């Protein structure tokens, strides 16, 4: 099995704005990795929502698969990764920072 970077970048988060990191329409197994080291805690901690979307069939409406919520300083892992997902035709990932100071988040989607 060959593993490769399908897409990557860095997203400057604007508070309460859902930022699309990537929409992939090729068949594959995908995993999102986000560097969350810049998140901070305190009285008003940074809160980041990561969402994964997909479709049952290529002609269907896009649906939410899962939402992950990260709050404050990430003490156990500074590199967040979603579960690997199989998609024959649609994989979309977004981030929304809902609280705190807007941060930049380096990210990559790996595929096999």
C-alpha atoms as a PDB file:
ATOM      1  CA  UNK A   1       0.000   0.000   0.000  1.00  0.00           C
ATOM      2  CA  UNK A   2       1.289   3.420  -0.952  1.00  0.00           C
ATOM      3  CA  UNK A   3       0.451   6.323   1.355  1.00  0.00           C
ATOM      4  CA  UNK A   4       0.610   9.864  -0.030  1.00  0.00           C
ATOM      5  CA  UNK A   5      -0.360  13.426   0.816  1.00  0.00           C
ATOM      6  CA  UNK A   6      -3.563  14.126  -1.113  1.00  0.00           C
ATOM      7  CA  UNK A   7      -3.858  17.772  -0.074  1.00  0.00           C
ATOM      8  CA  UNK A   8      -2.284  20.071   2.519  1.00  0.00           C
ATOM      9  CA  UNK A   9      -2.065  23.664   3.655  1.00  0.00           C
ATOM     10  CA  UNK A  10      -2.481  26.031   6.565  1.00  0.00           C
ATOM     11  CA  UNK A  11      -5.800  27.607   7.491  1.00  0.00           C
ATOM     12  CA  UNK A  12      -6.034  30.888   9.406  1.00  0.00           C
ATOM     13  CA  UNK A  13      -9.234  30.477  11.419  1.00  0.00           C
ATOM     14  CA  UNK A  14     -11.760  33.290  11.607  1.00  0.00           C
ATOM     15  CA  UNK A  15     -13.926  32.855  14.703  1.00  0.00           C
ATOM     16  CA  UNK A  16     -17.321  31.225  13.915  1.00  0.00           C
ATOM     17  CA  UNK A  17     -16.510  30.676  10.213  1.00  0.00           C
ATOM     18  CA  UNK A  18     -16.562  27.144   8.818  1.00  0.00           C
ATOM     19  CA  UNK A  19     -13.450  26.831   6.637  1.00  0.00           C
ATOM     20  CA  UNK A  20     -13.382  24.069   4.016  1.00  0.00           C
ATOM     21  CA  UNK A  21      -9.914  22.524   4.087  1.00  0.00           C
ATOM     22  CA  UNK A  22     -10.518  20.214   1.130  1.00  0.00           C
ATOM     23  CA  UNK A  23     -13.133  18.347  -0.846  1.00  0.00           C
ATOM     24  CA  UNK A  24     -11.819  15.141  -2.404  1.00  0.00           C
ATOM     25  CA  UNK A  25     -13.805  13.373  -5.136  1.00  0.00           C
ATOM     26  CA  UNK A  26     -11.348  10.549  -5.933  1.00  0.00           C
ATOM     27  CA  UNK A  27     -11.816   7.059  -4.527  1.00  0.00           C
ATOM     28  CA  UNK A  28      -9.524   6.262  -1.598  1.00  0.00           C
ATOM     29  CA  UNK A  29      -8.978   5.881   2.119  1.00  0.00           C
ATOM     30  CA  UNK A  30      -8.462   9.302   3.724  1.00  0.00           C
ATOM     31  CA  UNK A  31      -7.214  10.597   7.060  1.00  0.00           C
ATOM     32  CA  UNK A  32      -7.067  14.253   8.154  1.00  0.00           C
ATOM     33  CA  UNK A  33      -4.150  15.446  10.290  1.00  0.00           C
ATOM     34  CA  UNK A  34      -4.175  18.914  11.948  1.00  0.00           C
ATOM     35  CA  UNK A  35      -1.399  20.520  14.002  1.00  0.00           C
ATOM     36  CA  UNK A  36      -3.264  21.941  17.035  1.00  0.00           C
ATOM     37  CA  UNK A  37      -0.185  22.910  19.045  1.00  0.00           C
ATOM     38  CA  UNK A  38      -1.103  26.642  18.929  1.00  0.00           C
ATOM     39  CA  UNK A  39      -4.356  26.173  20.874  1.00  0.00           C
ATOM     40  CA  UNK A  40      -4.455  27.787  24.320  1.00  0.00           C
ATOM     41  CA  UNK A  41      -6.515  27.374  27.478  1.00  0.00           C
ATOM     42  CA  UNK A  42      -7.442  29.844  30.195  1.00  0.00           C
ATOM     43  CA  UNK A  43     -10.743  31.497  31.074  1.00  0.00           C
ATOM     44  CA  UNK A  44     -11.749  31.616  27.398  1.00  0.00           C
ATOM     45  CA  UNK A  45     -10.021  28.609  25.848  1.00  0.00           C
ATOM     46  CA  UNK A  46      -9.683  28.071  22.124  1.00  0.00           C
ATOM     47  CA  UNK A  47     -12.391  25.740  20.810  1.00  0.00           C
ATOM     48  CA  UNK A  48     -11.989  24.045  17.442  1.00  0.00           C
ATOM     49  CA  UNK A  49     -14.613  21.953  15.675  1.00  0.00           C
ATOM     50  CA  UNK A  50     -13.479  19.544  12.967  1.00  0.00           C
ATOM     51  CA  UNK A  51     -16.162  18.110  10.685  1.00  0.00           C
ATOM     52  CA  UNK A  52     -16.051  15.288   8.150  1.00  0.00           C
ATOM     53  CA  UNK A  53     -18.692  15.094   5.402  1.00  0.00           C
ATOM     54  CA  UNK A  54     -19.516  12.442   2.829  1.00  0.00           C
ATOM     55  CA  UNK A  55     -22.171  11.058   0.497  1.00  0.00           C
ATOM     56  CA  UNK A  56     -23.786   7.620   0.378  1.00  0.00           C
ATOM     57  CA  UNK A  57     -23.823   7.766  -3.441  1.00  0.00           C
ATOM     58  CA  UNK A  58     -22.140  10.265  -5.745  1.00  0.00           C
ATOM     59  CA  UNK A  59     -25.499  11.790  -6.740  1.00  0.00           C
ATOM     60  CA  UNK A  60     -26.743  12.139  -3.133  1.00  0.00           C
ATOM     61  CA  UNK A  61     -26.737  15.178  -0.855  1.00  0.00           C
ATOM     62  CA  UNK A  62     -23.610  15.748   1.224  1.00  0.00           C
ATOM     63  CA  UNK A  63     -24.125  14.717   4.866  1.00  0.00           C
ATOM     64  CA  UNK A  64     -22.209  15.197   8.112  1.00  0.00           C
ATOM     65  CA  UNK A  65     -20.359  12.021   9.139  1.00  0.00           C
ATOM     66  CA  UNK A  66     -18.719  13.186  12.362  1.00  0.00           C
ATOM     67  CA  UNK A  67     -17.871  16.256  14.441  1.00  0.00           C
ATOM     68  CA  UNK A  68     -14.827  16.419  16.704  1.00  0.00           C
ATOM     69  CA  UNK A  69     -14.535  19.203  19.317  1.00  0.00           C
ATOM     70  CA  UNK A  70     -11.149  20.193  20.754  1.00  0.00           C
ATOM     71  CA  UNK A  71     -11.046  22.548  23.755  1.00  0.00           C
ATOM     72  CA  UNK A  72      -8.023  24.440  25.092  1.00  0.00           C
ATOM     73  CA  UNK A  73      -4.460  23.231  25.213  1.00  0.00           C
ATOM     74  CA  UNK A  74      -4.175  19.705  23.842  1.00  0.00           C
ATOM     75  CA  UNK A  75      -2.041  17.951  26.450  1.00  0.00           C
ATOM     76  CA  UNK A  76      -2.154  14.363  25.195  1.00  0.00           C
ATOM     77  CA  UNK A  77      -1.695  14.987  21.451  1.00  0.00           C
ATOM     78  CA  UNK A  78      -0.660  18.143  19.650  1.00  0.00           C
ATOM     79  CA  UNK A  79      -1.279  16.509  16.271  1.00  0.00           C
ATOM     80  CA  UNK A  80      -4.967  15.680  15.870  1.00  0.00           C
ATOM     81  CA  UNK A  81      -5.985  12.930  13.423  1.00  0.00           C
ATOM     82  CA  UNK A  82      -9.408  11.704  12.342  1.00  0.00           C
ATOM     83  CA  UNK A  83     -10.176   8.048  11.806  1.00  0.00           C
ATOM     84  CA  UNK A  84      -9.343   6.791   8.328  1.00  0.00           C
ATOM     85  CA  UNK A  85     -12.441   6.824   6.114  1.00  0.00           C
ATOM     86  CA  UNK A  86     -13.175   4.956   2.898  1.00  0.00           C
ATOM     87  CA  UNK A  87     -14.780   7.036   0.169  1.00  0.00           C
ATOM     88  CA  UNK A  88     -15.440   6.084  -3.423  1.00  0.00           C
ATOM     89  CA  UNK A  89     -16.528   9.600  -4.427  1.00  0.00           C
ATOM     90  CA  UNK A  90     -16.759  12.336  -1.737  1.00  0.00           C
ATOM     91  CA  UNK A  91     -14.742  13.303   1.351  1.00  0.00           C
ATOM     92  CA  UNK A  92     -14.884  16.866   2.711  1.00  0.00           C
ATOM     93  CA  UNK A  93     -13.276  18.241   5.870  1.00  0.00           C
ATOM     94  CA  UNK A  94     -13.806  21.586   7.570  1.00  0.00           C
ATOM     95  CA  UNK A  95     -12.687  23.443  10.684  1.00  0.00           C
ATOM     96  CA  UNK A  96     -14.520  26.080  12.697  1.00  0.00           C
ATOM     97  CA  UNK A  97     -12.881  27.889  15.586  1.00  0.00           C
ATOM     98  CA  UNK A  98     -15.814  28.905  17.792  1.00  0.00           C
ATOM     99  CA  UNK A  99     -13.984  30.603  20.670  1.00  0.00           C
ATOM    100  CA  UNK A 100     -10.637  32.096  21.606  1.00  0.00           C
ATOM    101  CA  UNK A 101      -8.065  33.900  19.497  1.00  0.00           C
ATOM    102  CA  UNK A 102      -8.054  33.013  15.803  1.00  0.00           C
ATOM    103  CA  UNK A 103      -5.186  30.601  15.130  1.00  0.00           C
ATOM    104  CA  UNK A 104      -3.510  29.162  12.059  1.00  0.00           C
ATOM    105  CA  UNK A 105      -3.754  25.408  11.701  1.00  0.00           C
ATOM    106  CA  UNK A 106      -1.366  23.471   9.422  1.00  0.00           C
ATOM    107  CA  UNK A 107      -3.152  20.416   8.014  1.00  0.00           C
ATOM    108  CA  UNK A 108      -2.790  17.519   5.585  1.00  0.00           C
ATOM    109  CA  UNK A 109      -5.001  14.803   4.142  1.00  0.00           C
ATOM    110  CA  UNK A 110      -3.252  11.474   3.654  1.00  0.00           C
ATOM    111  CA  UNK A 111      -4.604   8.788   1.379  1.00  0.00           C
ATOM    112  CA  UNK A 112      -3.892   5.163   0.635  1.00  0.00           C
END
